Amino acid sequence: MEANMAFTKKHRWDFFNRKSMRYSQVGLAQEEYVKKVLEEAQKRGDFLKVEKHLRHSEADNSGKDFTVTKVIGDDEVSKSFGVTISSRRKNYSRLKHPYTPQFYFPLPTKPETIIKAINKLFN
């Protein structure tokens, strides 16, 4: 395409579709990173159980990417939450799933920050 040509609707549509696919892959990679961080915390004894819900499962469709179980006192307490790399998507998810906490973890997010945010669910 020449430098002086304007973008057509089709060009813009193609651009946004490609961008959407790239962000989708980055978001899925971030979910795997969060899963790894949570599994390491589980090995240290911070959490009793960590579960990453399958894509397009009932839990995932209700905004729950993960469920973490922790022992508090004598009780096992489970909390579910969603994660995203997009602040816009976090706001959309909060409206769509008002009773499921949503965390915005931009790239790169330190493991300590992720653990600290999730531990706040149990307070």
N, C-alpha and C. Protein backbone atom coordinates (compact mmCIF):
# COMPACT_ATOMS: atom_id res chain seq x y z
N MET A 1 0.84 -1.17 0.00
CA MET A 1 0.00 0.00 0.00
C MET A 1 0.89 1.23 0.00
N GLU A 2 0.54 2.21 -0.77
CA GLU A 2 1.31 3.44 -0.85
C GLU A 2 1.13 4.27 0.42
N ALA A 3 2.12 5.10 0.71
CA ALA A 3 2.11 5.89 1.94
C ALA A 3 0.98 6.92 1.96
N ASN A 4 0.57 7.42 0.81
CA ASN A 4 -0.45 8.45 0.79
C ASN A 4 -1.88 7.90 0.68
N MET A 5 -2.02 6.59 0.60
CA MET A 5 -3.36 6.00 0.52
C MET A 5 -3.98 5.92 1.90
N ALA A 6 -5.27 6.18 1.98
CA ALA A 6 -5.98 6.07 3.26
C ALA A 6 -6.38 4.62 3.47
N PHE A 7 -6.53 4.26 4.74
CA PHE A 7 -6.99 2.91 5.05
C PHE A 7 -8.47 2.79 4.73
N THR A 8 -8.83 1.69 4.12
CA THR A 8 -10.23 1.43 3.86
C THR A 8 -10.82 0.70 5.05
N LYS A 9 -12.13 0.52 5.05
CA LYS A 9 -12.78 -0.21 6.15
C LYS A 9 -12.24 -1.62 6.25
N LYS A 10 -11.99 -2.24 5.12
CA LYS A 10 -11.47 -3.60 5.12
C LYS A 10 -10.08 -3.66 5.75
N HIS A 11 -9.22 -2.68 5.43
CA HIS A 11 -7.88 -2.65 6.02
C HIS A 11 -7.95 -2.47 7.53
N ARG A 12 -8.83 -1.55 7.97
CA ARG A 12 -8.98 -1.35 9.41
C ARG A 12 -9.50 -2.60 10.08
N TRP A 13 -10.47 -3.26 9.47
CA TRP A 13 -11.06 -4.48 10.02
C TRP A 13 -10.00 -5.58 10.12
N ASP A 14 -9.21 -5.73 9.08
CA ASP A 14 -8.13 -6.73 9.11
C ASP A 14 -7.10 -6.41 10.20
N PHE A 15 -6.76 -5.14 10.33
CA PHE A 15 -5.80 -4.73 11.35
C PHE A 15 -6.32 -5.07 12.75
N PHE A 16 -7.56 -4.73 13.04
CA PHE A 16 -8.11 -5.00 14.37
C PHE A 16 -8.29 -6.49 14.63
N ASN A 17 -8.59 -7.26 13.60
CA ASN A 17 -8.68 -8.71 13.77
C ASN A 17 -7.31 -9.31 14.11
N ARG A 18 -6.27 -8.85 13.41
CA ARG A 18 -4.92 -9.35 13.71
C ARG A 18 -4.49 -8.95 15.12
N LYS A 19 -4.78 -7.70 15.49
CA LYS A 19 -4.43 -7.23 16.83
C LYS A 19 -5.18 -8.04 17.89
N SER A 20 -6.43 -8.32 17.66
CA SER A 20 -7.23 -9.12 18.59
C SER A 20 -6.64 -10.52 18.78
N MET A 21 -6.20 -11.13 17.69
CA MET A 21 -5.60 -12.46 17.77
C MET A 21 -4.28 -12.42 18.53
N ARG A 22 -3.46 -11.38 18.30
CA ARG A 22 -2.19 -11.26 19.02
C ARG A 22 -2.44 -11.09 20.51
N TYR A 23 -3.36 -10.22 20.88
CA TYR A 23 -3.64 -9.99 22.30
C TYR A 23 -4.24 -11.23 22.95
N SER A 24 -5.01 -11.99 22.20
CA SER A 24 -5.57 -13.23 22.72
C SER A 24 -4.45 -14.20 23.08
N GLN A 25 -3.47 -14.34 22.22
CA GLN A 25 -2.34 -15.23 22.49
C GLN A 25 -1.51 -14.74 23.67
N VAL A 26 -1.30 -13.44 23.76
CA VAL A 26 -0.54 -12.88 24.87
C VAL A 26 -1.30 -13.09 26.18
N GLY A 27 -2.61 -12.90 26.15
CA GLY A 27 -3.43 -13.11 27.33
C GLY A 27 -3.41 -14.56 27.81
N LEU A 28 -3.46 -15.49 26.87
CA LEU A 28 -3.39 -16.90 27.24
C LEU A 28 -2.02 -17.25 27.83
N ALA A 29 -0.97 -16.65 27.29
CA ALA A 29 0.37 -16.87 27.84
C ALA A 29 0.46 -16.30 29.26
N GLN A 30 -0.19 -15.16 29.48
CA GLN A 30 -0.19 -14.57 30.83
C GLN A 30 -0.94 -15.46 31.81
N GLU A 31 -2.04 -16.09 31.37
CA GLU A 31 -2.76 -17.02 32.23
C GLU A 31 -1.87 -18.20 32.62
N GLU A 32 -1.09 -18.69 31.67
CA GLU A 32 -0.16 -19.79 31.98
C GLU A 32 0.91 -19.34 32.97
N TYR A 33 1.37 -18.11 32.82
CA TYR A 33 2.35 -17.56 33.76
C TYR A 33 1.76 -17.47 35.16
N VAL A 34 0.53 -16.98 35.27
CA VAL A 34 -0.15 -16.89 36.57
C VAL A 34 -0.32 -18.29 37.16
N LYS A 35 -0.67 -19.25 36.32
CA LYS A 35 -0.81 -20.63 36.79
C LYS A 35 0.51 -21.14 37.37
N LYS A 36 1.60 -20.86 36.68
CA LYS A 36 2.93 -21.29 37.15
C LYS A 36 3.27 -20.64 38.48
N VAL A 37 2.99 -19.36 38.61
CA VAL A 37 3.26 -18.64 39.86
C VAL A 37 2.42 -19.23 40.99
N LEU A 38 1.16 -19.53 40.73
CA LEU A 38 0.29 -20.09 41.76
C LEU A 38 0.71 -21.50 42.15
N GLU A 39 1.15 -22.30 41.17
CA GLU A 39 1.62 -23.65 41.49
C GLU A 39 2.89 -23.61 42.33
N GLU A 40 3.78 -22.65 42.06
CA GLU A 40 4.99 -22.49 42.89
C GLU A 40 4.60 -22.08 44.31
N ALA A 41 3.60 -21.21 44.44
CA ALA A 41 3.12 -20.80 45.77
C ALA A 41 2.48 -21.98 46.49
N GLN A 42 1.82 -22.85 45.73
CA GLN A 42 1.22 -24.05 46.32
C GLN A 42 2.31 -24.98 46.86
N LYS A 43 3.39 -25.12 46.11
CA LYS A 43 4.51 -25.96 46.57
C LYS A 43 5.13 -25.40 47.84
N ARG A 44 5.15 -24.07 47.99
CA ARG A 44 5.68 -23.44 49.19
C ARG A 44 4.72 -23.55 50.36
N GLY A 45 3.46 -23.92 50.08
CA GLY A 45 2.47 -24.07 51.14
C GLY A 45 1.56 -22.87 51.32
N ASP A 46 1.63 -21.90 50.41
CA ASP A 46 0.75 -20.73 50.51
C ASP A 46 -0.70 -21.10 50.24
N PHE A 47 -0.91 -22.03 49.32
CA PHE A 47 -2.26 -22.45 48.94
C PHE A 47 -2.37 -23.96 49.03
N LEU A 48 -3.56 -24.44 49.35
CA LEU A 48 -3.79 -25.88 49.44
C LEU A 48 -3.99 -26.48 48.05
N LYS A 49 -4.76 -25.77 47.21
CA LYS A 49 -5.07 -26.27 45.88
C LYS A 49 -5.20 -25.11 44.90
N VAL A 50 -4.74 -25.32 43.69
CA VAL A 50 -4.85 -24.33 42.62
C VAL A 50 -5.47 -25.02 41.41
N GLU A 51 -6.52 -24.42 40.86
CA GLU A 51 -7.18 -25.00 39.68
C GLU A 51 -7.33 -23.93 38.62
N LYS A 52 -6.84 -24.21 37.42
CA LYS A 52 -7.06 -23.34 36.27
C LYS A 52 -8.19 -23.94 35.46
N HIS A 53 -9.25 -23.19 35.26
CA HIS A 53 -10.41 -23.70 34.54
C HIS A 53 -10.15 -23.76 33.04
N LEU A 54 -10.69 -24.74 32.39
CA LEU A 54 -10.53 -24.90 30.95
C LEU A 54 -11.20 -23.76 30.21
N ARG A 55 -10.65 -23.41 29.05
CA ARG A 55 -11.26 -22.38 28.21
C ARG A 55 -12.65 -22.80 27.79
N HIS A 56 -13.56 -21.87 27.82
CA HIS A 56 -14.95 -22.05 27.39
C HIS A 56 -15.72 -23.03 28.27
N SER A 57 -15.19 -23.33 29.46
CA SER A 57 -15.95 -24.15 30.40
C SER A 57 -17.00 -23.25 31.07
N GLU A 58 -17.89 -23.86 31.84
CA GLU A 58 -18.93 -23.08 32.51
C GLU A 58 -18.31 -22.05 33.46
N ALA A 59 -17.28 -22.48 34.20
CA ALA A 59 -16.61 -21.56 35.13
C ALA A 59 -15.92 -20.43 34.36
N ASP A 60 -15.23 -20.77 33.27
CA ASP A 60 -14.54 -19.76 32.47
C ASP A 60 -15.54 -18.76 31.89
N ASN A 61 -16.66 -19.24 31.43
CA ASN A 61 -17.68 -18.36 30.86
C ASN A 61 -18.34 -17.47 31.91
N SER A 62 -18.19 -17.82 33.19
CA SER A 62 -18.72 -16.96 34.25
C SER A 62 -17.62 -16.08 34.85
N GLY A 63 -16.49 -15.94 34.13
CA GLY A 63 -15.44 -15.02 34.52
C GLY A 63 -14.40 -15.60 35.46
N LYS A 64 -14.46 -16.89 35.71
CA LYS A 64 -13.54 -17.52 36.66
C LYS A 64 -12.45 -18.27 35.91
N ASP A 65 -11.26 -17.68 35.87
CA ASP A 65 -10.12 -18.34 35.23
C ASP A 65 -9.44 -19.32 36.18
N PHE A 66 -9.44 -18.97 37.48
CA PHE A 66 -8.76 -19.79 38.48
C PHE A 66 -9.63 -19.93 39.72
N THR A 67 -9.42 -21.04 40.43
CA THR A 67 -9.97 -21.23 41.78
C THR A 67 -8.82 -21.66 42.66
N VAL A 68 -8.65 -20.94 43.77
CA VAL A 68 -7.56 -21.20 44.70
C VAL A 68 -8.18 -21.55 46.05
N THR A 69 -7.66 -22.60 46.68
CA THR A 69 -8.13 -23.03 47.99
C THR A 69 -7.03 -22.81 49.00
N LYS A 70 -7.41 -22.28 50.15
CA LYS A 70 -6.46 -21.98 51.21
C LYS A 70 -7.07 -22.39 52.54
N VAL A 71 -6.25 -22.85 53.48
CA VAL A 71 -6.73 -23.20 54.81
C VAL A 71 -6.66 -21.96 55.69
N ILE A 72 -7.81 -21.58 56.23
CA ILE A 72 -7.88 -20.45 57.15
C ILE A 72 -8.51 -20.97 58.44
N GLY A 73 -7.72 -20.98 59.49
CA GLY A 73 -8.16 -21.60 60.74
C GLY A 73 -8.27 -23.10 60.52
N ASP A 74 -9.45 -23.64 60.71
CA ASP A 74 -9.70 -25.06 60.47
C ASP A 74 -10.48 -25.31 59.19
N ASP A 75 -10.79 -24.25 58.46
CA ASP A 75 -11.64 -24.36 57.28
C ASP A 75 -10.85 -24.22 55.99
N GLU A 76 -11.31 -24.94 54.98
CA GLU A 76 -10.78 -24.77 53.62
C GLU A 76 -11.67 -23.75 52.92
N VAL A 77 -11.07 -22.67 52.46
CA VAL A 77 -11.81 -21.60 51.80
C VAL A 77 -11.35 -21.52 50.36
N SER A 78 -12.30 -21.54 49.42
CA SER A 78 -11.98 -21.44 47.99
C SER A 78 -12.46 -20.10 47.44
N LYS A 79 -11.63 -19.51 46.62
CA LYS A 79 -11.97 -18.25 45.95
C LYS A 79 -11.67 -18.39 44.48
N SER A 80 -12.57 -17.89 43.65
CA SER A 80 -12.39 -17.91 42.20
C SER A 80 -12.21 -16.48 41.70
N PHE A 81 -11.45 -16.33 40.61
CA PHE A 81 -11.18 -15.00 40.07
C PHE A 81 -10.77 -15.12 38.62
N GLY A 82 -10.81 -13.99 37.93
CA GLY A 82 -10.37 -13.92 36.54
C GLY A 82 -9.14 -13.03 36.43
N VAL A 83 -8.36 -13.23 35.38
CA VAL A 83 -7.19 -12.39 35.12
C VAL A 83 -7.22 -11.89 33.69
N THR A 84 -6.62 -10.71 33.48
CA THR A 84 -6.55 -10.13 32.15
C THR A 84 -5.31 -9.25 32.04
N ILE A 85 -4.90 -8.98 30.80
CA ILE A 85 -3.78 -8.08 30.55
C ILE A 85 -4.29 -6.72 30.08
N SER A 86 -5.60 -6.54 30.00
CA SER A 86 -6.19 -5.33 29.45
C SER A 86 -7.08 -4.65 30.49
N SER A 87 -6.82 -3.38 30.77
CA SER A 87 -7.65 -2.66 31.73
C SER A 87 -9.07 -2.49 31.18
N ARG A 88 -9.20 -2.33 29.88
CA ARG A 88 -10.52 -2.21 29.28
C ARG A 88 -11.31 -3.51 29.45
N ARG A 89 -10.63 -4.62 29.25
CA ARG A 89 -11.29 -5.93 29.39
C ARG A 89 -11.65 -6.19 30.86
N LYS A 90 -10.80 -5.73 31.78
CA LYS A 90 -11.10 -5.89 33.21
C LYS A 90 -12.40 -5.16 33.56
N ASN A 91 -12.55 -3.94 33.08
CA ASN A 91 -13.77 -3.19 33.36
C ASN A 91 -14.99 -3.86 32.74
N TYR A 92 -14.85 -4.38 31.53
CA TYR A 92 -15.95 -5.09 30.87
C TYR A 92 -16.32 -6.34 31.68
N SER A 93 -15.31 -7.09 32.13
CA SER A 93 -15.56 -8.32 32.89
C SER A 93 -16.20 -8.02 34.23
N ARG A 94 -15.81 -6.92 34.85
CA ARG A 94 -16.43 -6.55 36.13
C ARG A 94 -17.92 -6.26 35.96
N LEU A 95 -18.28 -5.67 34.84
CA LEU A 95 -19.70 -5.42 34.58
C LEU A 95 -20.44 -6.71 34.25
N LYS A 96 -19.81 -7.56 33.47
CA LYS A 96 -20.44 -8.81 33.04
C LYS A 96 -20.53 -9.83 34.17
N HIS A 97 -19.52 -9.86 35.04
CA HIS A 97 -19.45 -10.82 36.15
C HIS A 97 -19.21 -10.06 37.45
N PRO A 98 -20.24 -9.36 37.97
CA PRO A 98 -20.01 -8.48 39.13
C PRO A 98 -19.61 -9.21 40.42
N TYR A 99 -19.89 -10.48 40.53
CA TYR A 99 -19.59 -11.21 41.77
C TYR A 99 -18.31 -12.03 41.68
N THR A 100 -17.58 -11.90 40.58
CA THR A 100 -16.31 -12.61 40.41
C THR A 100 -15.19 -11.57 40.34
N PRO A 101 -14.25 -11.60 41.28
CA PRO A 101 -13.14 -10.63 41.23
C PRO A 101 -12.34 -10.78 39.94
N GLN A 102 -11.94 -9.66 39.37
CA GLN A 102 -11.14 -9.64 38.15
C GLN A 102 -9.84 -8.89 38.44
N PHE A 103 -8.71 -9.50 38.09
CA PHE A 103 -7.41 -8.88 38.31
C PHE A 103 -6.79 -8.48 36.98
N TYR A 104 -6.22 -7.29 36.97
CA TYR A 104 -5.51 -6.76 35.82
C TYR A 104 -4.02 -6.90 36.12
N PHE A 105 -3.37 -7.84 35.44
CA PHE A 105 -1.93 -8.06 35.59
C PHE A 105 -1.25 -7.70 34.28
N PRO A 106 -0.81 -6.44 34.12
CA PRO A 106 -0.14 -6.05 32.87
C PRO A 106 1.20 -6.76 32.76
N LEU A 107 1.73 -6.78 31.57
CA LEU A 107 3.02 -7.42 31.33
C LEU A 107 4.14 -6.46 31.60
N PRO A 108 5.20 -6.79 32.25
CA PRO A 108 5.36 -7.96 33.10
C PRO A 108 4.88 -7.66 34.51
N THR A 109 4.33 -8.64 35.18
CA THR A 109 3.90 -8.51 36.57
C THR A 109 4.73 -9.44 37.42
N LYS A 110 5.27 -8.92 38.52
CA LYS A 110 6.12 -9.73 39.39
C LYS A 110 5.28 -10.79 40.12
N PRO A 111 5.84 -11.96 40.37
CA PRO A 111 5.11 -13.00 41.10
C PRO A 111 4.61 -12.54 42.46
N GLU A 112 5.39 -11.71 43.16
CA GLU A 112 4.98 -11.22 44.48
C GLU A 112 3.69 -10.40 44.38
N THR A 113 3.56 -9.64 43.32
CA THR A 113 2.37 -8.81 43.11
C THR A 113 1.15 -9.70 42.89
N ILE A 114 1.31 -10.75 42.12
CA ILE A 114 0.20 -11.67 41.84
C ILE A 114 -0.24 -12.35 43.14
N ILE A 115 0.71 -12.88 43.91
CA ILE A 115 0.38 -13.58 45.15
C ILE A 115 -0.27 -12.62 46.14
N LYS A 116 0.25 -11.40 46.24
CA LYS A 116 -0.31 -10.41 47.16
C LYS A 116 -1.76 -10.08 46.80
N ALA A 117 -2.04 -9.90 45.52
CA ALA A 117 -3.40 -9.59 45.09
C ALA A 117 -4.37 -10.73 45.40
N ILE A 118 -3.93 -11.94 45.18
CA ILE A 118 -4.80 -13.10 45.42
C ILE A 118 -5.00 -13.33 46.91
N ASN A 119 -3.95 -13.12 47.71
CA ASN A 119 -4.11 -13.27 49.16
C ASN A 119 -5.11 -12.27 49.74
N LYS A 120 -5.26 -11.11 49.11
CA LYS A 120 -6.25 -10.12 49.57
C LYS A 120 -7.68 -10.66 49.46
N LEU A 121 -7.91 -11.63 48.58
CA LEU A 121 -9.24 -12.23 48.48
C LEU A 121 -9.64 -12.95 49.76
N PHE A 122 -8.65 -13.43 50.50
CA PHE A 122 -8.92 -14.23 51.68
C PHE A 122 -9.01 -13.39 52.95
N ASN A 123 -8.82 -12.09 52.89
CA ASN A 123 -8.91 -11.23 54.07
C ASN A 123 -10.31 -10.78 54.30
